[in-house]
Amino acid sequence: MTRNIRGLTRLGADKPNSDVCIVSLNYPPEPTGIASCTGALAAGLAATGHSVAVQVSHPHYPEWKIYDGYGRWRSTEQIDGVGVAPSTANR
């Protein structure tokens, strides 16, 4: 553990890389909105050595229909070093 200037302990500060799970409705390959921001955050964390997993909805925006090639609930893919899997919470 590491202490900051106020003397408070920062949990996990002694562990340089951590496991991160991001849950989002929108994620690449959706081209607009929060999807690109969420994708950049996940890719940036992965690039710095964090283990990143993302649970997402099937890509559907801005057309409001699931993109061709998606729609399988048990599929996973790697995008920019990030494991991406559809969340069953939005079934």
Protein backbone atom coordinates (compact mmCIF):
# COMPACT_ATOMS: atom_id res chain seq x y z
CA MET A 1 0.00 0.00 0.00
CA THR A 2 1.05 3.57 -0.65
CA ARG A 3 0.28 6.64 1.40
CA ASN A 4 -0.57 9.91 -0.30
CA ILE A 5 0.24 13.42 0.99
CA ARG A 6 -2.65 13.32 3.43
CA GLY A 7 -1.37 10.08 4.91
CA LEU A 8 -4.30 8.10 3.56
CA THR A 9 -3.73 4.63 2.20
CA ARG A 10 -4.57 4.02 -1.44
CA LEU A 11 -5.73 0.45 -1.88
CA GLY A 12 -4.05 -1.34 -4.76
CA ALA A 13 -1.34 1.28 -5.14
CA ASP A 14 1.33 -1.36 -4.63
CA LYS A 15 -0.14 -3.41 -7.47
CA PRO A 16 0.79 -1.70 -10.74
CA ASN A 17 -1.78 -3.48 -12.89
CA SER A 18 -5.27 -4.49 -11.93
CA ASP A 19 -8.29 -6.29 -13.31
CA VAL A 20 -10.92 -3.96 -14.74
CA CYS A 21 -14.45 -4.79 -15.86
CA ILE A 22 -16.39 -2.20 -17.85
CA VAL A 23 -20.15 -2.60 -18.32
CA SER A 24 -21.63 -0.47 -21.08
CA LEU A 25 -24.62 -0.38 -23.37
CA ASN A 26 -22.53 1.04 -26.22
CA TYR A 27 -19.09 -0.04 -27.43
CA PRO A 28 -17.21 -0.26 -30.76
CA PRO A 29 -17.93 -1.11 -33.54
CA GLU A 30 -20.69 1.47 -32.99
CA PRO A 31 -19.30 4.60 -34.64
CA THR A 32 -20.83 7.39 -32.55
CA GLY A 33 -21.70 8.51 -29.05
CA ILE A 34 -20.27 7.00 -25.90
CA ALA A 35 -19.14 3.85 -27.73
CA SER A 36 -15.93 5.45 -28.97
CA CYS A 37 -15.15 6.90 -25.53
CA THR A 38 -15.74 3.58 -23.77
CA GLY A 39 -13.63 1.76 -26.36
CA ALA A 40 -10.78 4.27 -25.99
CA LEU A 41 -10.88 3.96 -22.19
CA ALA A 42 -10.73 0.15 -22.34
CA ALA A 43 -7.97 0.14 -24.98
CA GLY A 44 -5.94 2.70 -23.03
CA LEU A 45 -6.16 0.68 -19.82
CA ALA A 46 -5.19 -2.50 -21.68
CA ALA A 47 -2.25 -0.73 -23.33
CA THR A 48 -0.88 0.20 -19.90
CA GLY A 49 -0.94 -3.40 -18.74
CA HIS A 50 -4.31 -3.73 -17.05
CA SER A 51 -6.41 -6.81 -17.65
CA VAL A 52 -9.65 -5.44 -19.13
CA ALA A 53 -12.92 -7.24 -19.77
CA VAL A 54 -16.00 -5.52 -21.19
CA GLN A 55 -19.63 -6.62 -20.90
CA VAL A 56 -21.74 -4.90 -23.55
CA SER A 57 -25.00 -4.94 -25.41
CA HIS A 58 -24.94 -6.14 -28.98
CA PRO A 59 -23.93 -3.29 -31.29
CA HIS A 60 -27.13 -1.62 -32.46
CA TYR A 61 -26.68 2.15 -32.55
CA PRO A 62 -27.53 4.39 -34.44
CA GLU A 63 -29.69 2.05 -36.58
CA TRP A 64 -31.51 0.58 -33.54
CA LYS A 65 -31.10 -2.96 -34.87
CA ILE A 66 -28.41 -5.50 -34.07
CA TYR A 67 -25.54 -5.33 -36.54
CA ASP A 68 -25.06 -8.18 -39.02
CA GLY A 69 -22.76 -10.85 -37.59
CA TYR A 70 -23.77 -10.12 -33.99
CA GLY A 71 -26.62 -11.40 -31.85
CA ARG A 72 -25.02 -14.53 -30.40
CA TRP A 73 -25.10 -14.51 -26.59
CA ARG A 74 -22.09 -16.76 -26.10
CA SER A 75 -19.63 -15.03 -28.39
CA THR A 76 -16.54 -13.12 -27.33
CA GLU A 77 -14.05 -11.14 -29.34
CA GLN A 78 -10.82 -9.22 -28.87
CA ILE A 79 -10.87 -5.52 -29.77
CA ASP A 80 -7.64 -3.56 -29.16
CA GLY A 81 -6.43 -6.11 -26.60
CA VAL A 82 -9.72 -6.08 -24.69
CA GLY A 83 -11.96 -9.12 -24.20
CA VAL A 84 -15.50 -8.10 -25.22
CA ALA A 85 -18.54 -10.23 -24.47
CA PRO A 86 -22.28 -9.53 -24.73
CA SER A 87 -24.03 -9.04 -21.42
CA THR A 88 -26.98 -11.27 -20.68
CA ALA A 89 -28.42 -8.54 -18.45
CA ASN A 90 -30.08 -6.88 -21.43
CA ARG A 91 -31.81 -9.95 -22.83
